[in-house]
């Protein structure tokens, strides 16, 4: 696999930094501890549009003609894209918003906060469902593609799966290092749902990323790499669902082919800094954008050889090399 890691560049001040792509993959959005959101026309953009959204910004997601930011203003604020005009507050908390996810249709946002709450908000109706039960700040949230579940990670040491309708925890794993504050977390433990159907949930678990089957929550497989010496912090399914990326607190980035349970790409931060933001380009070109805890932005190109065929229901992983169901991986 001839992946190419591009040199990192300054994006924000030292501290937690988040990253996402626009729907078409043409722009990269970042936010950082300096309170700015920047819109990049690629990594080589020397004059990105910059917009101040607060004293500190921790999370950013984009969908259609809006982007949404979580800040130390204790809310999720909507902005028009690309104008960056304020367009309403989606949800309010009593502490900083630490992570956000959004549905594929752009109608539902889930956000987690240092106040330990998770809010699931319908943008059109302004209805918000509150999930409570974590005993420490939220580190990450992931919305089920079918809008039935939310997966979350917390400083209390757990990754949980919640039923949105019942507002109850239905599954929990003790797999995140315990700490008492978002900024003290060495590992974010951020889970990821397989796109389209959410049939599988990937969860960082120490030096592995484990995949669980929806509904039964049985572990299907564990992914690791011999050269990884630090805990995985973030997991991210590729847009087609056939590959999984993971990054560590030691700066490692790995990509696995899920058909073969084989690591097809691995690279490492030149200085070993923790990776705190990771996103696949949704265009399917195999590019990954990432940010470190020093406010730097980088990309890895050609992480996968070509855009694979996409299964209609994601029940089967499909590539040119091999076709295999998850039953074969048990």
Protein backbone atom coordinates (compact mmCIF):
# COMPACT_ATOMS: atom_id res chain seq x y z
CA UNK A 1 0.00 0.00 0.00
CA UNK A 2 1.66 3.21 -1.18
CA UNK A 3 0.09 5.62 1.28
CA UNK A 4 1.67 9.06 1.46
CA UNK A 5 1.83 11.06 4.68
CA UNK A 6 1.96 14.77 3.94
CA UNK A 7 3.99 17.12 6.18
CA UNK A 8 1.89 18.55 9.00
CA UNK A 9 1.24 22.27 9.27
CA UNK A 10 0.12 24.76 11.91
CA UNK A 11 -3.65 24.97 12.23
CA UNK A 12 -4.37 26.19 15.79
CA UNK A 13 -2.71 26.98 19.09
CA UNK A 14 -1.32 24.13 21.20
CA UNK A 15 -4.14 22.00 22.61
CA UNK A 16 -7.05 19.79 21.63
CA UNK A 17 -7.91 20.17 17.94
CA UNK A 18 -10.75 18.64 15.91
CA UNK A 19 -11.16 18.04 12.19
CA UNK A 20 -13.85 17.10 9.66
CA UNK A 21 -14.48 17.24 5.91
CA UNK A 22 -17.30 18.86 3.98
CA UNK A 23 -19.76 16.47 2.32
CA UNK A 24 -17.99 16.55 -1.04
CA UNK A 25 -14.53 16.20 0.49
CA UNK A 26 -13.28 19.44 -1.07
CA UNK A 27 -12.75 21.33 2.18
CA UNK A 28 -11.29 20.48 5.58
CA UNK A 29 -12.67 22.18 8.69
CA UNK A 30 -10.66 22.43 11.90
CA UNK A 31 -11.28 24.00 15.29
CA UNK A 32 -8.99 24.51 18.22
CA UNK A 33 -8.18 25.82 21.63
CA UNK A 34 -7.75 29.33 20.17
CA UNK A 35 -11.52 29.48 19.59
CA UNK A 36 -11.31 29.59 15.80
CA UNK A 37 -12.81 27.47 13.04
CA UNK A 38 -10.73 27.35 9.88
CA UNK A 39 -11.88 26.22 6.44
CA UNK A 40 -9.10 24.78 4.30
CA UNK A 41 -9.22 24.19 0.55
CA UNK A 42 -6.82 21.30 1.07
CA UNK A 43 -3.71 20.93 3.19
CA UNK A 44 -1.69 23.32 1.04
CA UNK A 45 -4.13 26.22 1.50
CA UNK A 46 -2.01 29.06 2.89
CA UNK A 47 -4.96 31.39 3.47
CA UNK A 48 -7.81 29.40 5.06
CA UNK A 49 -10.99 31.25 6.01
CA UNK A 50 -10.97 31.76 9.77
CA UNK A 51 -13.90 32.52 12.06
CA UNK A 52 -13.87 33.07 15.82
CA UNK A 53 -16.57 30.98 17.55
CA UNK A 54 -15.59 31.35 21.21
CA UNK A 55 -12.72 31.33 23.66
CA UNK A 56 -12.13 27.63 22.97
CA UNK A 57 -13.59 25.27 20.36
CA UNK A 58 -13.50 21.52 20.90
CA UNK A 59 -15.62 19.89 18.18
CA UNK A 60 -16.77 20.60 14.63
CA UNK A 61 -18.97 18.70 12.15
CA UNK A 62 -20.26 19.69 8.71
CA UNK A 63 -23.38 18.72 6.80
CA UNK A 64 -24.83 20.29 3.66
CA UNK A 65 -24.88 24.09 3.99
CA UNK A 66 -24.07 24.29 7.71
CA UNK A 67 -21.37 23.40 10.17
CA UNK A 68 -21.82 22.95 13.91
CA UNK A 69 -19.34 23.75 16.66
CA UNK A 70 -19.05 22.77 20.31
CA UNK A 71 -17.31 25.37 22.47
CA UNK A 72 -16.66 26.56 26.00
CA UNK A 73 -19.81 28.67 25.60
CA UNK A 74 -21.58 25.46 26.67
CA UNK A 75 -23.64 25.07 23.52
CA UNK A 76 -23.72 23.63 20.03
CA UNK A 77 -23.87 26.57 17.63
CA UNK A 78 -24.91 26.33 13.97
CA UNK A 79 -23.16 28.36 11.27
CA UNK A 80 -23.90 28.72 7.59
CA UNK A 81 -21.33 27.34 5.18
CA UNK A 82 -19.24 28.84 3.75
CA UNK A 83 -20.32 32.28 5.03
CA UNK A 84 -19.91 31.35 8.73
CA UNK A 85 -22.96 33.35 9.82
CA UNK A 86 -24.57 32.29 13.10
CA UNK A 87 -27.77 30.35 12.49
CA UNK A 88 -29.09 29.29 15.87
CA UNK A 89 -28.17 27.26 18.92
CA UNK A 90 -28.94 23.54 18.67
CA UNK A 91 -28.43 22.51 22.30
CA UNK A 92 -27.31 24.03 25.61
CA UNK A 93 -25.28 22.44 28.41
CA UNK A 94 -23.88 23.60 31.75
CA UNK A 95 -20.26 22.93 30.74
CA UNK A 96 -18.16 22.86 27.58
CA UNK A 97 -19.25 20.71 24.64
CA UNK A 98 -16.49 18.19 23.99
CA UNK A 99 -17.65 16.20 20.95
CA UNK A 100 -20.37 16.19 18.26
CA UNK A 101 -21.69 13.75 15.67
CA UNK A 102 -24.37 14.28 13.03
CA UNK A 103 -26.67 11.98 11.06
CA UNK A 104 -26.09 11.35 7.36
CA UNK A 105 -29.23 13.32 6.46
CA UNK A 106 -28.17 16.26 8.64
CA UNK A 107 -31.37 16.19 10.72
CA UNK A 108 -30.05 14.85 14.04
CA UNK A 109 -27.09 15.96 16.14
CA UNK A 110 -25.68 14.21 19.19
CA UNK A 111 -23.35 16.13 21.49
CA UNK A 112 -21.51 15.33 24.70
CA UNK A 113 -20.32 17.69 27.40
CA UNK A 114 -18.04 17.98 30.39
CA UNK A 115 -21.22 18.16 32.48
CA UNK A 116 -21.57 14.37 31.77
CA UNK A 117 -24.76 14.76 29.69
CA UNK A 118 -25.40 13.67 26.12
CA UNK A 119 -28.02 15.53 24.05
CA UNK A 120 -29.67 14.07 20.96
CA UNK A 121 -31.29 16.97 19.09
CA UNK A 122 -33.61 17.11 16.10
CA UNK A 123 -32.54 20.22 14.20
CA UNK A 124 -35.92 20.74 12.51
CA UNK A 125 -38.16 20.36 15.57
CA UNK A 126 -35.67 21.52 18.25
CA UNK A 127 -36.65 18.45 20.31
CA UNK A 128 -33.78 17.23 22.49
CA UNK A 129 -33.45 13.89 24.27
CA UNK A 130 -31.03 13.90 27.20
CA UNK A 131 -29.01 10.81 28.11
CA UNK A 132 -27.65 10.75 31.66
CA UNK A 133 -25.64 8.10 33.46
CA UNK A 134 -21.98 8.75 32.80
CA UNK A 135 -20.23 9.85 35.99
CA UNK A 136 -17.52 12.00 34.39
CA UNK A 137 -17.02 14.26 31.34
CA UNK A 138 -17.92 12.90 27.91
CA UNK A 139 -14.97 12.20 25.60
CA UNK A 140 -16.74 11.06 22.45
CA UNK A 141 -20.14 10.37 20.90
CA UNK A 142 -21.23 8.40 17.82
CA UNK A 143 -24.75 8.37 16.38
CA UNK A 144 -26.11 5.10 15.02
CA UNK A 145 -26.90 5.51 11.28
CA UNK A 146 -30.45 4.30 12.01
CA UNK A 147 -30.90 6.89 14.79
CA UNK A 148 -31.75 4.17 17.31
CA UNK A 149 -28.60 4.13 19.43
CA UNK A 150 -25.84 6.43 20.61
CA UNK A 151 -22.39 5.17 21.56
CA UNK A 152 -20.34 7.28 23.95
CA UNK A 153 -17.02 7.30 25.79
CA UNK A 154 -16.35 9.04 29.08
CA UNK A 155 -13.68 9.92 31.60
CA UNK A 156 -15.48 7.49 33.95
CA UNK A 157 -13.70 4.69 32.07
CA UNK A 158 -16.62 3.33 30.07
CA UNK A 159 -17.89 3.17 26.53
CA UNK A 160 -21.68 2.85 26.55
CA UNK A 161 -24.42 2.12 24.06
CA UNK A 162 -27.68 3.98 24.71
CA UNK A 163 -31.22 3.46 23.43
CA UNK A 164 -32.40 6.90 22.34
CA UNK A 165 -36.09 6.06 22.81
CA UNK A 166 -35.64 4.58 26.30
CA UNK A 167 -32.75 6.90 27.31
CA UNK A 168 -31.16 3.87 28.97
CA UNK A 169 -27.74 2.25 28.76
CA UNK A 170 -28.07 -1.15 27.07
CA UNK A 171 -24.38 -2.10 26.94
CA UNK A 172 -21.19 -0.91 28.62
CA UNK A 173 -17.49 -1.76 28.41
CA UNK A 174 -14.73 -0.70 30.80
CA UNK A 175 -12.08 0.20 28.24
CA UNK A 176 -11.12 3.87 28.70
CA UNK A 177 -8.46 5.10 31.15
CA UNK A 178 -10.21 6.85 34.05
CA UNK A 179 -9.55 10.56 34.57
CA UNK A 180 -11.43 13.52 36.04
CA UNK A 181 -11.40 16.07 33.19
CA UNK A 182 -11.54 16.22 29.40
CA UNK A 183 -8.15 17.91 29.17
CA UNK A 184 -6.60 15.26 31.42
CA UNK A 185 -7.65 12.39 29.14
CA UNK A 186 -4.74 10.61 27.46
CA UNK A 187 -7.12 8.41 25.48
CA UNK A 188 -10.50 9.50 24.05
CA UNK A 189 -11.94 6.01 23.49
CA UNK A 190 -14.11 7.26 20.61
CA UNK A 191 -16.30 4.57 19.01
CA UNK A 192 -17.51 4.40 15.40
CA UNK A 193 -20.55 2.81 13.72
CA UNK A 194 -20.33 1.07 10.37
CA UNK A 195 -21.97 3.43 7.83
CA UNK A 196 -25.49 2.98 6.43
CA UNK A 197 -26.80 0.23 8.74
CA UNK A 198 -24.68 0.53 11.88
CA UNK A 199 -24.46 -3.24 11.95
CA UNK A 200 -21.09 -3.13 13.68
CA UNK A 201 -19.63 -0.86 16.34
CA UNK A 202 -15.87 -0.32 16.61
CA UNK A 203 -14.52 0.49 20.08
CA UNK A 204 -10.91 1.33 21.06
CA UNK A 205 -9.81 -1.06 23.79
CA UNK A 206 -6.22 -0.60 24.90
CA UNK A 207 -3.85 -1.53 22.09
CA UNK A 208 -6.70 -3.05 20.09
CA UNK A 209 -9.83 -1.86 18.35
CA UNK A 210 -12.66 -4.31 18.89
CA UNK A 211 -15.75 -4.69 16.69
CA UNK A 212 -19.13 -5.63 18.17
CA UNK A 213 -22.28 -6.83 16.46
CA UNK A 214 -25.34 -4.62 16.69
CA UNK A 215 -28.09 -5.96 18.93
CA UNK A 216 -26.20 -8.89 20.44
CA UNK A 217 -23.14 -6.73 21.24
CA UNK A 218 -20.99 -9.82 20.84
CA UNK A 219 -17.35 -9.18 20.00
CA UNK A 220 -16.72 -10.12 16.37
CA UNK A 221 -13.03 -9.36 15.97
CA UNK A 222 -10.05 -7.52 17.44
CA UNK A 223 -7.63 -5.45 15.38
CA UNK A 224 -4.09 -4.57 16.41
CA UNK A 225 -0.60 -3.86 15.09
CA UNK A 226 2.68 -5.23 16.45
CA UNK A 227 4.44 -1.86 16.35
CA UNK A 228 1.74 0.03 18.26
CA UNK A 229 2.89 0.60 21.84
CA UNK A 230 0.21 3.07 23.03
CA UNK A 231 -3.55 2.83 23.47
CA UNK A 232 -5.89 3.45 20.56
CA UNK A 233 -7.86 6.65 21.09
CA UNK A 234 -10.16 7.04 18.06
CA UNK A 235 -11.76 4.55 15.66
CA UNK A 236 -13.28 5.52 12.31
CA UNK A 237 -14.96 3.38 9.66
CA UNK A 238 -14.24 4.33 6.06
CA UNK A 239 -17.20 5.77 4.09
CA UNK A 240 -17.76 2.40 2.37
CA UNK A 241 -17.54 0.47 5.65
CA UNK A 242 -14.91 -1.97 4.36
CA UNK A 243 -11.97 -0.42 6.18
CA UNK A 244 -11.33 0.82 9.69
CA UNK A 245 -8.87 3.49 10.78
CA UNK A 246 -7.55 3.93 14.29
CA UNK A 247 -5.14 6.36 15.92
CA UNK A 248 -3.28 6.23 19.21
CA UNK A 249 -2.11 8.47 22.00
CA UNK A 250 1.42 7.85 20.71
CA UNK A 251 0.76 9.23 17.23
CA UNK A 252 0.17 5.97 15.36
CA UNK A 253 -2.39 5.78 12.54
CA UNK A 254 -3.43 2.35 11.23
CA UNK A 255 -5.91 1.21 8.58
CA UNK A 256 -7.23 -2.35 8.41
CA UNK A 257 -8.93 -4.23 5.59
CA UNK A 258 -11.86 -5.79 7.44
CA UNK A 259 -12.27 -8.59 4.90
CA UNK A 260 -8.81 -9.88 5.63
CA UNK A 261 -8.39 -8.56 9.18
CA UNK A 262 -5.07 -7.21 7.91
CA UNK A 263 -3.41 -3.87 8.57
CA UNK A 264 -2.85 -2.37 5.13
CA UNK A 265 -1.41 0.98 6.22
CA UNK A 266 0.42 2.22 9.27
CA UNK A 267 2.29 5.42 9.90
CA UNK A 268 3.38 7.45 12.88
CA UNK A 269 3.50 11.09 13.86
CA UNK A 270 7.05 12.35 13.35
CA UNK A 271 7.25 13.54 16.97
CA UNK A 272 4.96 10.94 18.53
CA UNK A 273 2.30 13.45 19.60
CA UNK A 274 -1.16 12.16 20.44
CA UNK A 275 -3.71 12.25 17.61
CA UNK A 276 -6.93 13.90 18.83
CA UNK A 277 -8.87 14.31 15.57
CA UNK A 278 -9.33 11.83 12.70
CA UNK A 279 -11.63 11.91 9.66
CA UNK A 280 -11.98 10.05 6.35
CA UNK A 281 -12.57 12.06 3.20
CA UNK A 282 -16.21 11.20 2.32
CA UNK A 283 -15.47 11.26 -1.42
CA UNK A 284 -13.96 7.78 -1.10
CA UNK A 285 -10.50 8.78 -2.35
CA UNK A 286 -8.78 7.07 0.58
CA UNK A 287 -7.54 10.26 2.24
CA UNK A 288 -7.51 10.75 6.01
CA UNK A 289 -7.15 14.09 7.78
CA UNK A 290 -5.88 14.22 11.35
CA UNK A 291 -4.89 16.71 14.04
CA UNK A 292 -2.58 16.41 17.02
CA UNK A 293 -2.64 17.91 20.51
CA UNK A 294 -0.23 20.63 19.40
CA UNK A 295 -2.74 22.13 16.96
CA UNK A 296 -1.15 20.67 13.83
CA UNK A 297 -3.09 19.43 10.78
CA UNK A 298 -1.96 16.64 8.46
CA UNK A 299 -3.27 14.23 5.85
CA UNK A 300 -2.45 10.72 4.70
CA UNK A 301 -3.27 10.09 1.05
CA UNK A 302 -4.09 6.79 -0.67
CA UNK A 303 -4.73 4.88 2.55
CA UNK A 304 -6.71 2.41 0.46
CA UNK A 305 -5.74 1.39 -3.05
CA UNK A 306 -9.02 2.27 -4.74
CA UNK A 307 -12.62 3.08 -3.94
CA UNK A 308 -14.22 -0.32 -3.18
CA UNK A 309 -17.70 -1.41 -4.14
CA UNK A 310 -20.29 -0.47 -1.55
CA UNK A 311 -22.67 -3.04 -0.14
CA UNK A 312 -26.27 -1.88 -0.10
CA UNK A 313 -26.83 -3.07 3.46
CA UNK A 314 -23.25 -3.28 4.73
CA UNK A 315 -23.93 -6.85 5.85
CA UNK A 316 -21.06 -7.98 3.67
CA UNK A 317 -17.72 -6.30 3.20
CA UNK A 318 -16.88 -6.10 -0.49
CA UNK A 319 -13.50 -5.50 -2.10
CA UNK A 320 -11.82 -6.57 -5.29
CA UNK A 321 -9.64 -9.06 -3.42
CA UNK A 322 -12.25 -11.03 -1.50
CA UNK A 323 -15.82 -11.11 -0.25
CA UNK A 324 -16.48 -12.17 3.33
CA UNK A 325 -19.34 -11.80 5.75
CA UNK A 326 -18.78 -11.01 9.39
CA UNK A 327 -19.97 -14.54 10.18
CA UNK A 328 -16.73 -15.73 8.57
CA UNK A 329 -14.74 -13.59 11.00
CA UNK A 330 -16.14 -15.11 14.17
